[in-house]
Amino acid sequence: METIDAIILGIIQGLTEFLPVSSSGHLELGKAILGDNSVPEESLLFTVVLHFATALSTIVVFRKDVWEILRGLFQFKWNEESQFSIKIIISMLPAVLVGLIFEEQLEAFFDGDIRFVGFMLLITGVLLYFADKAKDTDKKITYTNAFVVGVSQAIAILPGISRSGATISTSVLLGVDKTKAARFSFLMVVPLIFGKMGKDIMSGELSFESENTFAMSAGFIAAFVAGLAACTWMIQLVKKSKLTYFAVYCLIVGLAAIGYSIWG
């Protein structure tokens, strides 16, 4: 993998992890367009490195919230912090179960099927459009909401379904305040990213012997910096109900991907 390609893919990951346009779908599209010729083990390692970078950017932006979650877990008191921590755990359960039970089946979707990614982007676009039309409220995430949003996150494992788009849209359609929905969406994915990384490392699926250490480092930095910008920007966009722009974008890119798979 060339350094410039790694930087481009890092920027794509950093931006699309938080913007509701599907990071996994854009990475698949990016690899297809750039002609990713890396071996499967190296490609997997690079993907993990980029996700680690965006997880760190989330922690930096929401450092106060992360501290409150950790404090809530270890205070052993039934207060607002501990309740929020439990909601985060509840939201993780569907994705964990789906990931463990259907791991092999899910991996089959990440084989460069651009047409499938295109159709999933169309679904993301429709979901964002309806969420943008939802009325503003001041409601918080409930335990039931946390589980339902977790189901959306599990479905968003599919490339082309935006994780942030699906979880934020589901929360908003359930009547949750848009700012609280965005905050919960970004925080709920951090434990999953670190958990997936730990699983891959413990299982020996990752090979750390790579000749492209410099390229991966460049991609990591690009993803981290882009993630910081996109995370902060996305919170402001959700507040101002600007999801329709992303809905249109997903529809255009989805149609382009389908066209590329047929005629490209």
Foldseek 3Di string as FASTA:
>chain_A
DDLVLLLVLLLLQLQQLQQQFFNLQVSLVSCVVVVPPDDPQVVVVLVLLSLVLLLVLLCVVPVVLVVLLVCLVPVPDPDPSVQLNVLLVLLQVQQVVCCVPCVVVQVVLSPSPLLVLLVLLLVLLVLLVVLLPFDADADAQDSVLSNVLSNQQNVSSRGNRGQLSSSLSSCSVVPHHNLNSSNSSSVSCSVVSVVVVVVCVVVVSHDPDDPPPVSSVSSSVSSNVSNNVNSVVSSVCSNVSVSNVSSVVSNVSSVVSNVVSVPD
